[in-house]
Amino acid sequence: MAKSVPLQVGSKKEETIMTRKPRLPNEKGFTLIELMIVVTIIGILAAIATPNFISYRTKGLSSAAKTEARDFYTAALAYFSIADRNRTVTRATCPNFGANNEIKHTGNLSYTAATGAVGITKPEFVHTNGGDTYILATDGSISTKKKKTESALTVETATAEDFTGD
């Protein structure tokens, strides 16, 4: 048993004990204010982290498309090196190339056996979930066509006549 200590009338300890609702022994948990503070902090952290996450994800998807373009070029050249005649390959028909189905590809690579020249027809790679478009050149270099981003905020200007009603 706990030893009871008499409280002096008017002491701070007595005021604190008197103003607080006594809890029953089986009552446990947090107050509403404590829970609201935690939810607010989590909301602020989520608001900060979400745009960064989306940005990193888009960069990763764009990087996957660029890698796909580079891999396709390498696989096509390997295929052409054993070719003894003119050939044309697309992403789907290129042997030993595991195409990523989330990346859109247009165009093809062609090989002319007589001259050993590689030709390319509209070779663009872009991830279906957004990002930049990568364009493949005949020498294997890759150029980037940046995706246009539109601002979500539209600012309208007002003139004095808008407020006067004239």
C-alpha atoms as a PDB file:
ATOM      1  CA  MET A   1       0.000   0.000   0.000  1.00  0.00           C
ATOM      2  CA  ALA A   2       1.159   3.463  -0.827  1.00  0.00           C
ATOM      3  CA  LYS A   3       1.691   5.787   2.038  1.00  0.00           C
ATOM      4  CA  SER A   4      -0.582   8.813   1.878  1.00  0.00           C
ATOM      5  CA  VAL A   5       0.977  12.189   2.470  1.00  0.00           C
ATOM      6  CA  PRO A   6      -1.197  15.008   3.760  1.00  0.00           C
ATOM      7  CA  LEU A   7      -1.298  17.993   1.418  1.00  0.00           C
ATOM      8  CA  GLN A   8      -1.145  21.553   2.585  1.00  0.00           C
ATOM      9  CA  VAL A   9      -4.109  23.660   1.634  1.00  0.00           C
ATOM     10  CA  GLY A  10      -3.248  26.097  -1.157  1.00  0.00           C
ATOM     11  CA  SER A  11      -0.153  24.234  -2.359  1.00  0.00           C
ATOM     12  CA  LYS A  12       0.555  23.825  -6.105  1.00  0.00           C
ATOM     13  CA  LYS A  13       0.490  20.084  -5.762  1.00  0.00           C
ATOM     14  CA  GLU A  14      -3.010  20.243  -4.340  1.00  0.00           C
ATOM     15  CA  GLU A  15      -4.186  22.523  -7.204  1.00  0.00           C
ATOM     16  CA  THR A  16      -2.764  20.200  -9.845  1.00  0.00           C
ATOM     17  CA  ILE A  17      -4.362  17.174  -8.279  1.00  0.00           C
ATOM     18  CA  MET A  18      -7.666  18.950  -7.837  1.00  0.00           C
ATOM     19  CA  THR A  19      -7.913  20.236 -11.430  1.00  0.00           C
ATOM     20  CA  ARG A  20      -6.976  16.959 -13.112  1.00  0.00           C
ATOM     21  CA  LYS A  21      -9.635  14.327 -13.695  1.00  0.00           C
ATOM     22  CA  PRO A  22      -8.532  11.216 -11.885  1.00  0.00           C
ATOM     23  CA  ARG A  23      -7.956   8.186 -14.123  1.00  0.00           C
ATOM     24  CA  LEU A  24      -9.238   4.812 -13.287  1.00  0.00           C
ATOM     25  CA  PRO A  25      -6.579   2.094 -13.029  1.00  0.00           C
ATOM     26  CA  ASN A  26      -7.660   0.479 -16.327  1.00  0.00           C
ATOM     27  CA  GLU A  27      -7.691   3.752 -18.337  1.00  0.00           C
ATOM     28  CA  LYS A  28      -4.676   4.010 -20.612  1.00  0.00           C
ATOM     29  CA  GLY A  29      -3.904   5.978 -23.772  1.00  0.00           C
ATOM     30  CA  PHE A  30      -3.147   9.396 -25.136  1.00  0.00           C
ATOM     31  CA  THR A  31      -5.126  12.587 -24.920  1.00  0.00           C
ATOM     32  CA  LEU A  32      -6.816  14.065 -27.972  1.00  0.00           C
ATOM     33  CA  ILE A  33      -4.313  16.933 -28.115  1.00  0.00           C
ATOM     34  CA  GLU A  34      -1.375  14.525 -28.137  1.00  0.00           C
ATOM     35  CA  LEU A  35      -2.923  12.544 -30.985  1.00  0.00           C
ATOM     36  CA  MET A  36      -3.681  15.712 -32.976  1.00  0.00           C
ATOM     37  CA  ILE A  37      -0.074  16.889 -32.632  1.00  0.00           C
ATOM     38  CA  VAL A  38       1.262  13.559 -33.882  1.00  0.00           C
ATOM     39  CA  VAL A  39      -1.137  13.547 -36.850  1.00  0.00           C
ATOM     40  CA  THR A  40      -0.122  17.123 -37.722  1.00  0.00           C
ATOM     41  CA  ILE A  41       3.587  16.264 -37.630  1.00  0.00           C
ATOM     42  CA  ILE A  42       3.027  13.212 -39.838  1.00  0.00           C
ATOM     43  CA  GLY A  43       1.016  15.351 -42.281  1.00  0.00           C
ATOM     44  CA  ILE A  44       3.785  17.953 -42.513  1.00  0.00           C
ATOM     45  CA  LEU A  45       6.417  15.269 -43.128  1.00  0.00           C
ATOM     46  CA  ALA A  46       4.253  13.657 -45.821  1.00  0.00           C
ATOM     47  CA  ALA A  47       3.713  17.033 -47.515  1.00  0.00           C
ATOM     48  CA  ILE A  48       7.473  17.547 -47.672  1.00  0.00           C
ATOM     49  CA  ALA A  49       8.389  14.010 -48.742  1.00  0.00           C
ATOM     50  CA  THR A  50       5.761  13.382 -51.456  1.00  0.00           C
ATOM     51  CA  PRO A  51       7.044  15.871 -54.097  1.00  0.00           C
ATOM     52  CA  ASN A  52      10.609  14.633 -53.586  1.00  0.00           C
ATOM     53  CA  PHE A  53       9.513  11.025 -53.967  1.00  0.00           C
ATOM     54  CA  ILE A  54       7.638  11.790 -57.186  1.00  0.00           C
ATOM     55  CA  SER A  55      10.655  13.641 -58.576  1.00  0.00           C
ATOM     56  CA  TYR A  56      13.039  10.776 -57.774  1.00  0.00           C
ATOM     57  CA  ARG A  57      10.625   8.243 -59.253  1.00  0.00           C
ATOM     58  CA  THR A  58      10.307  10.197 -62.514  1.00  0.00           C
ATOM     59  CA  LYS A  59      14.087  10.491 -62.789  1.00  0.00           C
ATOM     60  CA  GLY A  60      14.415   6.752 -62.241  1.00  0.00           C
ATOM     61  CA  LEU A  61      11.845   5.950 -64.920  1.00  0.00           C
ATOM     62  CA  SER A  62      13.569   8.289 -67.367  1.00  0.00           C
ATOM     63  CA  SER A  63      16.860   6.616 -66.579  1.00  0.00           C
ATOM     64  CA  ALA A  64      15.286   3.227 -67.362  1.00  0.00           C
ATOM     65  CA  ALA A  65      14.222   4.491 -70.806  1.00  0.00           C
ATOM     66  CA  LYS A  66      17.722   5.799 -71.524  1.00  0.00           C
ATOM     67  CA  THR A  67      19.244   2.481 -70.488  1.00  0.00           C
ATOM     68  CA  GLU A  68      16.743   0.656 -72.694  1.00  0.00           C
ATOM     69  CA  ALA A  69      17.839   2.744 -75.699  1.00  0.00           C
ATOM     70  CA  ARG A  70      21.501   2.022 -75.023  1.00  0.00           C
ATOM     71  CA  ASP A  71      20.845  -1.717 -74.530  1.00  0.00           C
ATOM     72  CA  PHE A  72      18.783  -1.925 -77.708  1.00  0.00           C
ATOM     73  CA  TYR A  73      21.563  -0.324 -79.734  1.00  0.00           C
ATOM     74  CA  THR A  74      24.151  -2.720 -78.299  1.00  0.00           C
ATOM     75  CA  ALA A  75      21.964  -5.803 -78.904  1.00  0.00           C
ATOM     76  CA  ALA A  76      21.191  -4.702 -82.464  1.00  0.00           C
ATOM     77  CA  LEU A  77      24.889  -4.193 -83.253  1.00  0.00           C
ATOM     78  CA  ALA A  78      25.655  -7.637 -81.857  1.00  0.00           C
ATOM     79  CA  TYR A  79      22.938  -9.074 -84.076  1.00  0.00           C
ATOM     80  CA  PHE A  80      24.235  -7.162 -87.113  1.00  0.00           C
ATOM     81  CA  SER A  81      27.805  -8.366 -86.514  1.00  0.00           C
ATOM     82  CA  ILE A  82      26.756 -11.927 -87.339  1.00  0.00           C
ATOM     83  CA  ALA A  83      24.479 -10.861 -90.194  1.00  0.00           C
ATOM     84  CA  ASP A  84      25.602 -11.579 -93.703  1.00  0.00           C
ATOM     85  CA  ARG A  85      22.813  -9.701 -95.415  1.00  0.00           C
ATOM     86  CA  ASN A  86      20.676  -6.604 -95.008  1.00  0.00           C
ATOM     87  CA  ARG A  87      18.545  -6.709 -91.864  1.00  0.00           C
ATOM     88  CA  THR A  88      16.109  -4.509 -89.985  1.00  0.00           C
ATOM     89  CA  VAL A  89      15.294  -4.998 -86.326  1.00  0.00           C
ATOM     90  CA  THR A  90      12.828  -3.468 -83.924  1.00  0.00           C
ATOM     91  CA  ARG A  91      12.788  -3.814 -80.194  1.00  0.00           C
ATOM     92  CA  ALA A  92      10.433  -6.765 -80.443  1.00  0.00           C
ATOM     93  CA  THR A  93      12.358  -8.640 -83.161  1.00  0.00           C
ATOM     94  CA  CYS A  94      15.890  -8.104 -81.859  1.00  0.00           C
ATOM     95  CA  PRO A  95      17.259 -11.407 -80.535  1.00  0.00           C
ATOM     96  CA  ASN A  96      18.948 -11.479 -77.128  1.00  0.00           C
ATOM     97  CA  PHE A  97      17.189  -8.299 -76.078  1.00  0.00           C
ATOM     98  CA  GLY A  98      14.787  -8.411 -73.150  1.00  0.00           C
ATOM     99  CA  ALA A  99      12.495  -5.493 -73.794  1.00  0.00           C
ATOM    100  CA  ASN A 100      10.901  -3.672 -70.874  1.00  0.00           C
ATOM    101  CA  ASN A 101       7.170  -3.497 -71.604  1.00  0.00           C
ATOM    102  CA  GLU A 102       6.796  -0.228 -69.674  1.00  0.00           C
ATOM    103  CA  ILE A 103       8.942   1.638 -72.182  1.00  0.00           C
ATOM    104  CA  LYS A 104       7.447   2.825 -75.466  1.00  0.00           C
ATOM    105  CA  HIS A 105       9.724   2.544 -78.447  1.00  0.00           C
ATOM    106  CA  THR A 106       9.205   3.836 -81.943  1.00  0.00           C
ATOM    107  CA  GLY A 107      11.348   3.238 -84.981  1.00  0.00           C
ATOM    108  CA  ASN A 108      13.884   0.590 -85.916  1.00  0.00           C
ATOM    109  CA  LEU A 109      17.530  -0.027 -86.751  1.00  0.00           C
ATOM    110  CA  SER A 110      18.591  -1.268 -90.162  1.00  0.00           C
ATOM    111  CA  TYR A 111      21.880  -2.690 -91.380  1.00  0.00           C
ATOM    112  CA  THR A 112      23.244  -2.689 -94.911  1.00  0.00           C
ATOM    113  CA  ALA A 113      25.710  -5.538 -95.404  1.00  0.00           C
ATOM    114  CA  ALA A 114      27.424  -4.071 -98.475  1.00  0.00           C
ATOM    115  CA  THR A 115      28.423  -0.836 -96.794  1.00  0.00           C
ATOM    116  CA  GLY A 116      28.254  -1.851 -93.140  1.00  0.00           C
ATOM    117  CA  ALA A 117      26.087   1.184 -92.481  1.00  0.00           C
ATOM    118  CA  VAL A 118      23.577   1.344 -89.657  1.00  0.00           C
ATOM    119  CA  GLY A 119      20.400   3.301 -90.305  1.00  0.00           C
ATOM    120  CA  ILE A 120      17.809   4.432 -87.804  1.00  0.00           C
ATOM    121  CA  THR A 121      14.172   5.360 -88.333  1.00  0.00           C
ATOM    122  CA  LYS A 122      12.538   7.475 -85.593  1.00  0.00           C
ATOM    123  CA  PRO A 123      14.252   5.762 -82.662  1.00  0.00           C
ATOM    124  CA  GLU A 124      12.551   7.223 -79.605  1.00  0.00           C
ATOM    125  CA  PHE A 125      12.342   5.658 -76.149  1.00  0.00           C
ATOM    126  CA  VAL A 126      10.083   6.934 -73.370  1.00  0.00           C
ATOM    127  CA  HIS A 127       8.751   5.341 -70.188  1.00  0.00           C
ATOM    128  CA  THR A 128       4.955   4.993 -70.131  1.00  0.00           C
ATOM    129  CA  ASN A 129       4.742   6.581 -66.664  1.00  0.00           C
ATOM    130  CA  GLY A 130       6.320   9.839 -67.714  1.00  0.00           C
ATOM    131  CA  GLY A 131       9.721  11.330 -68.048  1.00  0.00           C
ATOM    132  CA  ASP A 132      11.911  12.482 -70.890  1.00  0.00           C
ATOM    133  CA  THR A 133      12.095  11.016 -74.398  1.00  0.00           C
ATOM    134  CA  TYR A 134      15.450   9.651 -75.526  1.00  0.00           C
ATOM    135  CA  ILE A 135      16.425   9.701 -79.195  1.00  0.00           C
ATOM    136  CA  LEU A 136      19.021   7.235 -80.480  1.00  0.00           C
ATOM    137  CA  ALA A 137      21.535   8.279 -83.171  1.00  0.00           C
ATOM    138  CA  THR A 138      23.281   6.026 -85.704  1.00  0.00           C
ATOM    139  CA  ASP A 139      26.550   6.261 -83.761  1.00  0.00           C
ATOM    140  CA  GLY A 140      24.849   5.103 -80.536  1.00  0.00           C
ATOM    141  CA  SER A 141      24.733   8.518 -78.901  1.00  0.00           C
ATOM    142  CA  ILE A 142      21.541   9.462 -77.111  1.00  0.00           C
ATOM    143  CA  SER A 143      19.945  12.890 -77.087  1.00  0.00           C
ATOM    144  CA  THR A 144      17.188  13.978 -74.746  1.00  0.00           C
ATOM    145  CA  LYS A 145      13.873  15.613 -75.563  1.00  0.00           C
ATOM    146  CA  LYS A 146      12.683  17.093 -72.282  1.00  0.00           C
ATOM    147  CA  LYS A 147       9.113  16.566 -71.217  1.00  0.00           C
ATOM    148  CA  LYS A 148       7.161  19.802 -71.009  1.00  0.00           C
ATOM    149  CA  THR A 149       5.817  20.442 -67.546  1.00  0.00           C
ATOM    150  CA  GLU A 150       2.885  22.720 -66.970  1.00  0.00           C
ATOM    151  CA  SER A 151       2.530  24.713 -63.821  1.00  0.00           C
ATOM    152  CA  ALA A 152      -0.400  23.793 -61.628  1.00  0.00           C
ATOM    153  CA  LEU A 153      -0.704  27.420 -60.525  1.00  0.00           C
ATOM    154  CA  THR A 154      -2.417  29.887 -62.835  1.00  0.00           C
ATOM    155  CA  VAL A 155      -2.096  33.546 -61.953  1.00  0.00           C
ATOM    156  CA  GLU A 156      -4.725  35.961 -63.196  1.00  0.00           C
ATOM    157  CA  THR A 157      -4.141  39.669 -63.195  1.00  0.00           C
ATOM    158  CA  ALA A 158      -6.865  42.138 -62.394  1.00  0.00           C
ATOM    159  CA  THR A 159      -7.211  45.747 -63.428  1.00  0.00           C
ATOM    160  CA  ALA A 160      -8.901  48.597 -61.597  1.00  0.00           C
ATOM    161  CA  GLU A 161     -11.890  48.321 -63.965  1.00  0.00           C
ATOM    162  CA  ASP A 162     -12.585  44.803 -62.681  1.00  0.00           C
ATOM    163  CA  PHE A 163     -13.396  46.241 -59.270  1.00  0.00           C
ATOM    164  CA  THR A 164     -15.280  49.404 -60.179  1.00  0.00           C
ATOM    165  CA  GLY A 165     -18.090  47.688 -62.074  1.00  0.00           C
ATOM    166  CA  ASP A 166     -17.882  50.088 -65.046  1.00  0.00           C
END
